[in-house]
PDB file of N, CA and C in Angstrom:
ATOM      1  N   MET A   1      -9.777 -16.724 -22.670  1.00  0.00           N
ATOM      2  CA  MET A   1     -10.183 -16.154 -21.386  1.00  0.00           C
ATOM      3  C   MET A   1      -9.187 -15.067 -21.001  1.00  0.00           C
ATOM      4  N   ILE A   2      -9.714 -13.971 -20.497  1.00  0.00           N
ATOM      5  CA  ILE A   2      -8.878 -12.864 -20.049  1.00  0.00           C
ATOM      6  C   ILE A   2      -8.230 -13.230 -18.712  1.00  0.00           C
ATOM      7  N   GLY A   3      -7.036 -12.730 -18.459  1.00  0.00           N
ATOM      8  CA  GLY A   3      -6.358 -12.942 -17.189  1.00  0.00           C
ATOM      9  C   GLY A   3      -6.211 -11.639 -16.434  1.00  0.00           C
ATOM     10  N   VAL A   4      -6.366 -11.700 -15.129  1.00  0.00           N
ATOM     11  CA  VAL A   4      -6.197 -10.538 -14.268  1.00  0.00           C
ATOM     12  C   VAL A   4      -4.928 -10.749 -13.448  1.00  0.00           C
ATOM     13  N   ASN A   5      -3.974  -9.834 -13.587  1.00  0.00           N
ATOM     14  CA  ASN A   5      -2.726  -9.935 -12.835  1.00  0.00           C
ATOM     15  C   ASN A   5      -2.953  -9.598 -11.372  1.00  0.00           C
ATOM     16  N   VAL A   6      -2.423 -10.443 -10.494  1.00  0.00           N
ATOM     17  CA  VAL A   6      -2.501 -10.213  -9.052  1.00  0.00           C
ATOM     18  C   VAL A   6      -1.087 -10.343  -8.495  1.00  0.00           C
ATOM     19  N   ASN A   7      -0.543  -9.234  -8.009  1.00  0.00           N
ATOM     20  CA  ASN A   7       0.811  -9.218  -7.478  1.00  0.00           C
ATOM     21  C   ASN A   7       0.903 -10.060  -6.209  1.00  0.00           C
ATOM     22  N   SER A   8       1.848 -10.975  -6.230  1.00  0.00           N
ATOM     23  CA  SER A   8       2.026 -11.887  -5.095  1.00  0.00           C
ATOM     24  C   SER A   8       3.468 -11.888  -4.603  1.00  0.00           C
ATOM     25  N   LYS A   9       4.141 -10.750  -4.769  1.00  0.00           N
ATOM     26  CA  LYS A   9       5.557 -10.670  -4.398  1.00  0.00           C
ATOM     27  C   LYS A   9       5.770 -10.842  -2.898  1.00  0.00           C
ATOM     28  N   SER A  10       5.059 -10.084  -2.091  1.00  0.00           N
ATOM     29  CA  SER A  10       5.282 -10.154  -0.643  1.00  0.00           C
ATOM     30  C   SER A  10       4.242 -11.009   0.083  1.00  0.00           C
ATOM     31  N   ILE A  11       3.033 -11.030  -0.429  1.00  0.00           N
ATOM     32  CA  ILE A  11       1.942 -11.836   0.140  1.00  0.00           C
ATOM     33  C   ILE A  11       1.316 -12.598  -1.017  1.00  0.00           C
ATOM     34  N   PRO A  12       1.053 -13.894  -0.882  1.00  0.00           N
ATOM     35  CA  PRO A  12       0.530 -14.686  -2.003  1.00  0.00           C
ATOM     36  C   PRO A  12      -0.939 -14.406  -2.301  1.00  0.00           C
ATOM     37  N   TYR A  13      -1.241 -13.156  -2.681  1.00  0.00           N
ATOM     38  CA  TYR A  13      -2.627 -12.748  -2.891  1.00  0.00           C
ATOM     39  C   TYR A  13      -3.343 -13.602  -3.937  1.00  0.00           C
ATOM     40  N   ALA A  14      -2.677 -13.932  -5.036  1.00  0.00           N
ATOM     41  CA  ALA A  14      -3.331 -14.725  -6.084  1.00  0.00           C
ATOM     42  C   ALA A  14      -3.777 -16.076  -5.524  1.00  0.00           C
ATOM     43  N   ASP A  15      -2.910 -16.734  -4.780  1.00  0.00           N
ATOM     44  CA  ASP A  15      -3.253 -18.026  -4.179  1.00  0.00           C
ATOM     45  C   ASP A  15      -4.385 -17.881  -3.162  1.00  0.00           C
ATOM     46  N   LEU A  16      -4.347 -16.797  -2.394  1.00  0.00           N
ATOM     47  CA  LEU A  16      -5.404 -16.558  -1.394  1.00  0.00           C
ATOM     48  C   LEU A  16      -6.761 -16.351  -2.064  1.00  0.00           C
ATOM     49  N   ILE A  17      -6.765 -15.709  -3.237  1.00  0.00           N
ATOM     50  CA  ILE A  17      -8.015 -15.540  -3.986  1.00  0.00           C
ATOM     51  C   ILE A  17      -8.529 -16.903  -4.451  1.00  0.00           C
ATOM     52  N   ILE A  18      -7.676 -17.677  -5.079  1.00  0.00           N
ATOM     53  CA  ILE A  18      -8.077 -18.988  -5.608  1.00  0.00           C
ATOM     54  C   ILE A  18      -8.507 -19.924  -4.483  1.00  0.00           C
ATOM     55  N   ASP A  19      -7.865 -19.834  -3.338  1.00  0.00           N
ATOM     56  CA  ASP A  19      -8.219 -20.685  -2.193  1.00  0.00           C
ATOM     57  C   ASP A  19      -9.484 -20.216  -1.475  1.00  0.00           C
ATOM     58  N   GLY A  20     -10.047 -19.073  -1.893  1.00  0.00           N
ATOM     59  CA  GLY A  20     -11.275 -18.564  -1.286  1.00  0.00           C
ATOM     60  C   GLY A  20     -11.065 -17.844   0.027  1.00  0.00           C
ATOM     61  N   LEU A  21      -9.821 -17.479   0.343  1.00  0.00           N
ATOM     62  CA  LEU A  21      -9.522 -16.793   1.603  1.00  0.00           C
ATOM     63  C   LEU A  21      -9.516 -15.275   1.455  1.00  0.00           C
ATOM     64  N   LYS A  22      -9.158 -14.792   0.278  1.00  0.00           N
ATOM     65  CA  LYS A  22      -9.192 -13.355  -0.031  1.00  0.00           C
ATOM     66  C   LYS A  22     -10.417 -13.147  -0.909  1.00  0.00           C
ATOM     67  N   LEU A  23     -11.455 -12.546  -0.347  1.00  0.00           N
ATOM     68  CA  LEU A  23     -12.716 -12.404  -1.060  1.00  0.00           C
ATOM     69  C   LEU A  23     -12.819 -11.116  -1.863  1.00  0.00           C
ATOM     70  N   TYR A  24     -12.018 -10.103  -1.502  1.00  0.00           N
ATOM     71  CA  TYR A  24     -12.023  -8.831  -2.222  1.00  0.00           C
ATOM     72  C   TYR A  24     -10.623  -8.536  -2.740  1.00  0.00           C
ATOM     73  N   GLU A  25     -10.500  -8.396  -4.039  1.00  0.00           N
ATOM     74  CA  GLU A  25      -9.273  -7.893  -4.648  1.00  0.00           C
ATOM     75  C   GLU A  25      -9.367  -6.378  -4.593  1.00  0.00           C
ATOM     76  N   THR A  26      -8.318  -5.704  -4.180  1.00  0.00           N
ATOM     77  CA  THR A  26      -8.380  -4.252  -4.035  1.00  0.00           C
ATOM     78  C   THR A  26      -7.612  -3.581  -5.157  1.00  0.00           C
ATOM     79  N   ARG A  27      -8.210  -2.521  -5.665  1.00  0.00           N
ATOM     80  CA  ARG A  27      -7.620  -1.743  -6.758  1.00  0.00           C
ATOM     81  C   ARG A  27      -7.801  -0.262  -6.446  1.00  0.00           C
ATOM     82  N   ASN A  28      -6.900   0.566  -7.002  1.00  0.00           N
ATOM     83  CA  ASN A  28      -7.015   2.019  -6.815  1.00  0.00           C
ATOM     84  C   ASN A  28      -8.030   2.641  -7.769  1.00  0.00           C
ATOM     85  N   SER A  29      -8.444   1.889  -8.764  1.00  0.00           N
ATOM     86  CA  SER A  29      -9.443   2.371  -9.716  1.00  0.00           C
ATOM     87  C   SER A  29     -10.379   1.215 -10.053  1.00  0.00           C
ATOM     88  N   ASN A  30     -11.402   1.497 -10.827  1.00  0.00           N
ATOM     89  CA  ASN A  30     -12.371   0.472 -11.210  1.00  0.00           C
ATOM     90  C   ASN A  30     -11.876  -0.281 -12.451  1.00  0.00           C
ATOM     91  N   SER A  31     -10.629  -0.717 -12.419  1.00  0.00           N
ATOM     92  CA  SER A  31      -9.981  -1.337 -13.579  1.00  0.00           C
ATOM     93  C   SER A  31     -10.591  -2.675 -13.976  1.00  0.00           C
ATOM     94  N   LEU A  32     -11.337  -3.314 -13.098  1.00  0.00           N
ATOM     95  CA  LEU A  32     -11.951  -4.606 -13.428  1.00  0.00           C
ATOM     96  C   LEU A  32     -13.374  -4.455 -13.968  1.00  0.00           C
ATOM     97  N   LYS A  33     -13.848  -3.222 -14.136  1.00  0.00           N
ATOM     98  CA  LYS A  33     -15.217  -2.972 -14.590  1.00  0.00           C
ATOM     99  C   LYS A  33     -15.587  -3.727 -15.865  1.00  0.00           C
ATOM    100  N   PRO A  34     -14.709  -3.807 -16.871  1.00  0.00           N
ATOM    101  CA  PRO A  34     -15.096  -4.517 -18.095  1.00  0.00           C
ATOM    102  C   PRO A  34     -15.370  -6.016 -17.887  1.00  0.00           C
ATOM    103  N   TYR A  35     -14.947  -6.544 -16.757  1.00  0.00           N
ATOM    104  CA  TYR A  35     -15.041  -7.991 -16.524  1.00  0.00           C
ATOM    105  C   TYR A  35     -16.107  -8.387 -15.504  1.00  0.00           C
ATOM    106  N   ILE A  36     -16.892  -7.405 -15.019  1.00  0.00           N
ATOM    107  CA  ILE A  36     -17.940  -7.699 -14.040  1.00  0.00           C
ATOM    108  C   ILE A  36     -18.897  -8.731 -14.625  1.00  0.00           C
ATOM    109  N   GLY A  37     -19.147  -9.764 -13.843  1.00  0.00           N
ATOM    110  CA  GLY A  37     -20.038 -10.837 -14.269  1.00  0.00           C
ATOM    111  C   GLY A  37     -19.369 -11.892 -15.131  1.00  0.00           C
ATOM    112  N   GLN A  38     -18.079 -11.727 -15.389  1.00  0.00           N
ATOM    113  CA  GLN A  38     -17.351 -12.680 -16.221  1.00  0.00           C
ATOM    114  C   GLN A  38     -16.397 -13.526 -15.388  1.00  0.00           C
ATOM    115  N   ARG A  39     -16.123 -14.711 -15.877  1.00  0.00           N
ATOM    116  CA  ARG A  39     -15.108 -15.577 -15.281  1.00  0.00           C
ATOM    117  C   ARG A  39     -13.771 -15.203 -15.909  1.00  0.00           C
ATOM    118  N   VAL A  40     -12.767 -14.959 -15.076  1.00  0.00           N
ATOM    119  CA  VAL A  40     -11.433 -14.574 -15.536  1.00  0.00           C
ATOM    120  C   VAL A  40     -10.390 -15.461 -14.866  1.00  0.00           C
ATOM    121  N   ALA A  41      -9.241 -15.572 -15.515  1.00  0.00           N
ATOM    122  CA  ALA A  41      -8.115 -16.281 -14.910  1.00  0.00           C
ATOM    123  C   ALA A  41      -7.416 -15.343 -13.927  1.00  0.00           C
ATOM    124  N   ILE A  42      -6.961 -15.891 -12.828  1.00  0.00           N
ATOM    125  CA  ILE A  42      -6.121 -15.149 -11.887  1.00  0.00           C
ATOM    126  C   ILE A  42      -4.682 -15.490 -12.226  1.00  0.00           C
ATOM    127  N   VAL A  43      -3.905 -14.450 -12.549  1.00  0.00           N
ATOM    128  CA  VAL A  43      -2.519 -14.626 -12.957  1.00  0.00           C
ATOM    129  C   VAL A  43      -1.619 -14.158 -11.825  1.00  0.00           C
ATOM    130  N   ARG A  44      -0.861 -15.090 -11.252  1.00  0.00           N
ATOM    131  CA  ARG A  44       0.080 -14.756 -10.169  1.00  0.00           C
ATOM    132  C   ARG A  44       1.285 -14.060 -10.796  1.00  0.00           C
ATOM    133  N   THR A  45       1.573 -12.829 -10.325  1.00  0.00           N
ATOM    134  CA  THR A  45       2.750 -12.085 -10.787  1.00  0.00           C
ATOM    135  C   THR A  45       3.605 -11.708  -9.587  1.00  0.00           C
ATOM    136  N   GLY A  46       4.851 -11.350  -9.859  1.00  0.00           N
ATOM    137  CA  GLY A  46       5.740 -10.875  -8.802  1.00  0.00           C
ATOM    138  C   GLY A  46       6.432 -11.967  -8.023  1.00  0.00           C
ATOM    139  N   ALA A  47       6.154 -13.226  -8.349  1.00  0.00           N
ATOM    140  CA  ALA A  47       6.770 -14.363  -7.636  1.00  0.00           C
ATOM    141  C   ALA A  47       7.230 -15.376  -8.690  1.00  0.00           C
ATOM    142  N   GLY A  48       8.237 -14.980  -9.460  1.00  0.00           N
ATOM    143  CA  GLY A  48       8.689 -15.830 -10.555  1.00  0.00           C
ATOM    144  C   GLY A  48       7.917 -15.511 -11.823  1.00  0.00           C
ATOM    145  N   LYS A  49       7.913 -16.465 -12.754  1.00  0.00           N
ATOM    146  CA  LYS A  49       7.229 -16.276 -14.031  1.00  0.00           C
ATOM    147  C   LYS A  49       5.723 -16.156 -13.813  1.00  0.00           C
ATOM    148  N   ALA A  50       5.094 -15.194 -14.486  1.00  0.00           N
ATOM    149  CA  ALA A  50       3.638 -15.022 -14.371  1.00  0.00           C
ATOM    150  C   ALA A  50       2.951 -16.317 -14.780  1.00  0.00           C
ATOM    151  N   GLN A  51       1.917 -16.688 -13.998  1.00  0.00           N
ATOM    152  CA  GLN A  51       1.242 -17.959 -14.251  1.00  0.00           C
ATOM    153  C   GLN A  51      -0.227 -17.870 -13.871  1.00  0.00           C
ATOM    154  N   ALA A  52      -1.107 -18.326 -14.779  1.00  0.00           N
ATOM    155  CA  ALA A  52      -2.531 -18.431 -14.464  1.00  0.00           C
ATOM    156  C   ALA A  52      -2.699 -19.621 -13.529  1.00  0.00           C
ATOM    157  N   ILE A  53      -3.365 -19.393 -12.381  1.00  0.00           N
ATOM    158  CA  ILE A  53      -3.458 -20.464 -11.379  1.00  0.00           C
ATOM    159  C   ILE A  53      -4.883 -20.900 -11.078  1.00  0.00           C
ATOM    160  N   GLY A  54      -5.855 -20.274 -11.696  1.00  0.00           N
ATOM    161  CA  GLY A  54      -7.249 -20.644 -11.469  1.00  0.00           C
ATOM    162  C   GLY A  54      -8.157 -19.567 -12.009  1.00  0.00           C
ATOM    163  N   THR A  55      -9.463 -19.750 -11.809  1.00  0.00           N
ATOM    164  CA  THR A  55     -10.427 -18.773 -12.307  1.00  0.00           C
ATOM    165  C   THR A  55     -11.401 -18.349 -11.217  1.00  0.00           C
ATOM    166  N   VAL A  56     -11.934 -17.148 -11.375  1.00  0.00           N
ATOM    167  CA  VAL A  56     -12.956 -16.603 -10.480  1.00  0.00           C
ATOM    168  C   VAL A  56     -13.921 -15.775 -11.309  1.00  0.00           C
ATOM    169  N   GLU A  57     -15.092 -15.498 -10.746  1.00  0.00           N
ATOM    170  CA  GLU A  57     -16.032 -14.584 -11.385  1.00  0.00           C
ATOM    171  C   GLU A  57     -15.908 -13.226 -10.718  1.00  0.00           C
ATOM    172  N   ILE A  58     -15.813 -12.181 -11.529  1.00  0.00           N
ATOM    173  CA  ILE A  58     -15.680 -10.820 -11.018  1.00  0.00           C
ATOM    174  C   ILE A  58     -17.065 -10.289 -10.652  1.00  0.00           C
ATOM    175  N   GLY A  59     -17.202  -9.820  -9.408  1.00  0.00           N
ATOM    176  CA  GLY A  59     -18.460  -9.260  -8.933  1.00  0.00           C
ATOM    177  C   GLY A  59     -18.472  -7.751  -9.010  1.00  0.00           C
ATOM    178  N   GLU A  60     -19.596  -7.188  -8.600  1.00  0.00           N
ATOM    179  CA  GLU A  60     -19.742  -5.726  -8.553  1.00  0.00           C
ATOM    180  C   GLU A  60     -18.773  -5.163  -7.513  1.00  0.00           C
ATOM    181  N   PRO A  61     -18.088  -4.058  -7.829  1.00  0.00           N
ATOM    182  CA  PRO A  61     -17.137  -3.493  -6.878  1.00  0.00           C
ATOM    183  C   PRO A  61     -17.821  -2.687  -5.770  1.00  0.00           C
ATOM    184  N   LEU A  62     -17.146  -2.614  -4.657  1.00  0.00           N
ATOM    185  CA  LEU A  62     -17.468  -1.662  -3.603  1.00  0.00           C
ATOM    186  C   LEU A  62     -16.465  -0.528  -3.754  1.00  0.00           C
ATOM    187  N   VAL A  63     -16.868   0.671  -3.459  1.00  0.00           N
ATOM    188  CA  VAL A  63     -15.934   1.797  -3.414  1.00  0.00           C
ATOM    189  C   VAL A  63     -15.934   2.273  -1.975  1.00  0.00           C
ATOM    190  N   VAL A  64     -14.764   2.188  -1.323  1.00  0.00           N
ATOM    191  CA  VAL A  64     -14.691   2.488   0.105  1.00  0.00           C
ATOM    192  C   VAL A  64     -13.568   3.465   0.408  1.00  0.00           C
ATOM    193  N   GLY A  65     -13.753   4.171   1.510  1.00  0.00           N
ATOM    194  CA  GLY A  65     -12.724   5.053   2.033  1.00  0.00           C
ATOM    195  C   GLY A  65     -11.918   4.314   3.102  1.00  0.00           C
ATOM    196  N   PRO A  66     -10.988   5.018   3.735  1.00  0.00           N
ATOM    197  CA  PRO A  66     -10.094   4.387   4.706  1.00  0.00           C
ATOM    198  C   PRO A  66     -10.794   3.664   5.859  1.00  0.00           C
ATOM    199  N   GLU A  67     -11.838   4.250   6.433  1.00  0.00           N
ATOM    200  CA  GLU A  67     -12.499   3.627   7.581  1.00  0.00           C
ATOM    201  C   GLU A  67     -13.152   2.304   7.190  1.00  0.00           C
ATOM    202  N   GLN A  68     -13.892   2.287   6.113  1.00  0.00           N
ATOM    203  CA  GLN A  68     -14.552   1.061   5.655  1.00  0.00           C
ATOM    204  C   GLN A  68     -13.522   0.033   5.191  1.00  0.00           C
ATOM    205  N   PHE A  69     -12.444   0.495   4.564  1.00  0.00           N
ATOM    206  CA  PHE A  69     -11.381  -0.408   4.116  1.00  0.00           C
ATOM    207  C   PHE A  69     -10.822  -1.196   5.294  1.00  0.00           C
ATOM    208  N   ARG A  70     -10.571  -0.508   6.413  1.00  0.00           N
ATOM    209  CA  ARG A  70     -10.045  -1.197   7.600  1.00  0.00           C
ATOM    210  C   ARG A  70     -11.067  -2.212   8.124  1.00  0.00           C
ATOM    211  N   LYS A  71     -12.344  -1.843   8.112  1.00  0.00           N
ATOM    212  CA  LYS A  71     -13.381  -2.752   8.601  1.00  0.00           C
ATOM    213  C   LYS A  71     -13.473  -4.021   7.760  1.00  0.00           C
ATOM    214  N   LEU A  72     -13.090  -3.927   6.499  1.00  0.00           N
ATOM    215  CA  LEU A  72     -13.165  -5.071   5.580  1.00  0.00           C
ATOM    216  C   LEU A  72     -11.858  -5.856   5.479  1.00  0.00           C
ATOM    217  N   GLN A  73     -10.902  -5.554   6.352  1.00  0.00           N
ATOM    218  CA  GLN A  73      -9.565  -6.160   6.252  1.00  0.00           C
ATOM    219  C   GLN A  73      -9.600  -7.685   6.254  1.00  0.00           C
ATOM    220  N   ALA A  74     -10.484  -8.296   7.002  1.00  0.00           N
ATOM    221  CA  ALA A  74     -10.556  -9.761   7.042  1.00  0.00           C
ATOM    222  C   ALA A  74     -10.991 -10.352   5.700  1.00  0.00           C
ATOM    223  N   LEU A  75     -11.569  -9.524   4.845  1.00  0.00           N
ATOM    224  CA  LEU A  75     -12.028  -9.996   3.535  1.00  0.00           C
ATOM    225  C   LEU A  75     -11.039  -9.693   2.412  1.00  0.00           C
ATOM    226  N   HIS A  76     -10.225  -8.631   2.565  1.00  0.00           N
ATOM    227  CA  HIS A  76      -9.250  -8.298   1.513  1.00  0.00           C
ATOM    228  C   HIS A  76      -7.816  -8.636   1.900  1.00  0.00           C
ATOM    229  N   LEU A  77      -7.536  -8.806   3.184  1.00  0.00           N
ATOM    230  CA  LEU A  77      -6.236  -9.260   3.693  1.00  0.00           C
ATOM    231  C   LEU A  77      -5.065  -8.327   3.411  1.00  0.00           C
ATOM    232  N   VAL A  78      -5.332  -7.048   3.195  1.00  0.00           N
ATOM    233  CA  VAL A  78      -4.264  -6.078   2.965  1.00  0.00           C
ATOM    234  C   VAL A  78      -3.865  -5.474   4.306  1.00  0.00           C
ATOM    235  N   PRO A  79      -2.643  -5.744   4.776  1.00  0.00           N
ATOM    236  CA  PRO A  79      -2.222  -5.214   6.073  1.00  0.00           C
ATOM    237  C   PRO A  79      -2.086  -3.689   6.059  1.00  0.00           C
ATOM    238  N   GLU A  80      -2.420  -3.103   7.171  1.00  0.00           N
ATOM    239  CA  GLU A  80      -2.248  -1.662   7.324  1.00  0.00           C
ATOM    240  C   GLU A  80      -0.775  -1.316   7.152  1.00  0.00           C
ATOM    241  N   GLY A  81      -0.501  -0.282   6.357  1.00  0.00           N
ATOM    242  CA  GLY A  81       0.872   0.167   6.130  1.00  0.00           C
ATOM    243  C   GLY A  81       1.588  -0.555   4.998  1.00  0.00           C
ATOM    244  N   SER A  82       0.939  -1.537   4.378  1.00  0.00           N
ATOM    245  CA  SER A  82       1.584  -2.269   3.289  1.00  0.00           C
ATOM    246  C   SER A  82       1.538  -1.458   1.992  1.00  0.00           C
ATOM    247  N   THR A  83       2.239  -1.920   1.002  1.00  0.00           N
ATOM    248  CA  THR A  83       2.262  -1.284  -0.314  1.00  0.00           C
ATOM    249  C   THR A  83       0.870  -1.122  -0.898  1.00  0.00           C
ATOM    250  N   PHE A  84      -0.031  -2.055  -0.616  1.00  0.00           N
ATOM    251  CA  PHE A  84      -1.365  -2.048  -1.209  1.00  0.00           C
ATOM    252  C   PHE A  84      -2.423  -1.435  -0.305  1.00  0.00           C
ATOM    253  N   ASP A  85      -2.000  -0.836   0.808  1.00  0.00           N
ATOM    254  CA  ASP A  85      -2.938  -0.194   1.732  1.00  0.00           C
ATOM    255  C   ASP A  85      -3.554   1.039   1.080  1.00  0.00           C
ATOM    256  N   ILE A  86      -4.711   1.421   1.556  1.00  0.00           N
ATOM    257  CA  ILE A  86      -5.389   2.629   1.085  1.00  0.00           C
ATOM    258  C   ILE A  86      -4.619   3.865   1.563  1.00  0.00           C
ATOM    259  N   GLN A  87      -4.587   4.886   0.729  1.00  0.00           N
ATOM    260  CA  GLN A  87      -3.935   6.130   1.102  1.00  0.00           C
ATOM    261  C   GLN A  87      -4.898   6.988   1.922  1.00  0.00           C
ATOM    262  N   PRO A  88      -4.387   7.778   2.869  1.00  0.00           N
ATOM    263  CA  PRO A  88      -5.266   8.668   3.654  1.00  0.00           C
ATOM    264  C   PRO A  88      -6.106   9.531   2.718  1.00  0.00           C
ATOM    265  N   GLY A  89      -7.398   9.558   2.945  1.00  0.00           N
ATOM    266  CA  GLY A  89      -8.312  10.345   2.133  1.00  0.00           C
ATOM    267  C   GLY A  89      -8.636   9.742   0.777  1.00  0.00           C
ATOM    268  N   GLY A  90      -8.044   8.571   0.483  1.00  0.00           N
ATOM    269  CA  GLY A  90      -8.267   7.937  -0.806  1.00  0.00           C
ATOM    270  C   GLY A  90      -9.438   6.971  -0.812  1.00  0.00           C
ATOM    271  N   THR A  91      -9.604   6.314  -1.922  1.00  0.00           N
ATOM    272  CA  THR A  91     -10.624   5.276  -2.060  1.00  0.00           C
ATOM    273  C   THR A  91      -9.988   4.031  -2.656  1.00  0.00           C
ATOM    274  N   LYS A  92     -10.659   2.917  -2.441  1.00  0.00           N
ATOM    275  CA  LYS A  92     -10.271   1.631  -3.045  1.00  0.00           C
ATOM    276  C   LYS A  92     -11.524   1.014  -3.656  1.00  0.00           C
ATOM    277  N   HIS A  93     -11.319   0.302  -4.733  1.00  0.00           N
ATOM    278  CA  HIS A  93     -12.377  -0.451  -5.396  1.00  0.00           C
ATOM    279  C   HIS A  93     -12.128  -1.910  -5.110  1.00  0.00           C
TER     280      HIS A  93
END
């Protein structure tokens, strides 16, 4: 099974995904495209040794700009101004 790295250094994003609290993983590109419709391991990185902590199925991505990204904050849990926030004029998958 393929593993998808999820940085959990400052916020435990990998655990939030596995617990069903973070419904959208955010990426700057469509890097998860090869895995759409597949079950993958979520690998917690950035908080000690990398470790697979569970599995999820990758769904179809949304591509959003800054306004829509903010509206979806309750689903992706990325705080405004954080390292993983959307850049002005940018997009997130």
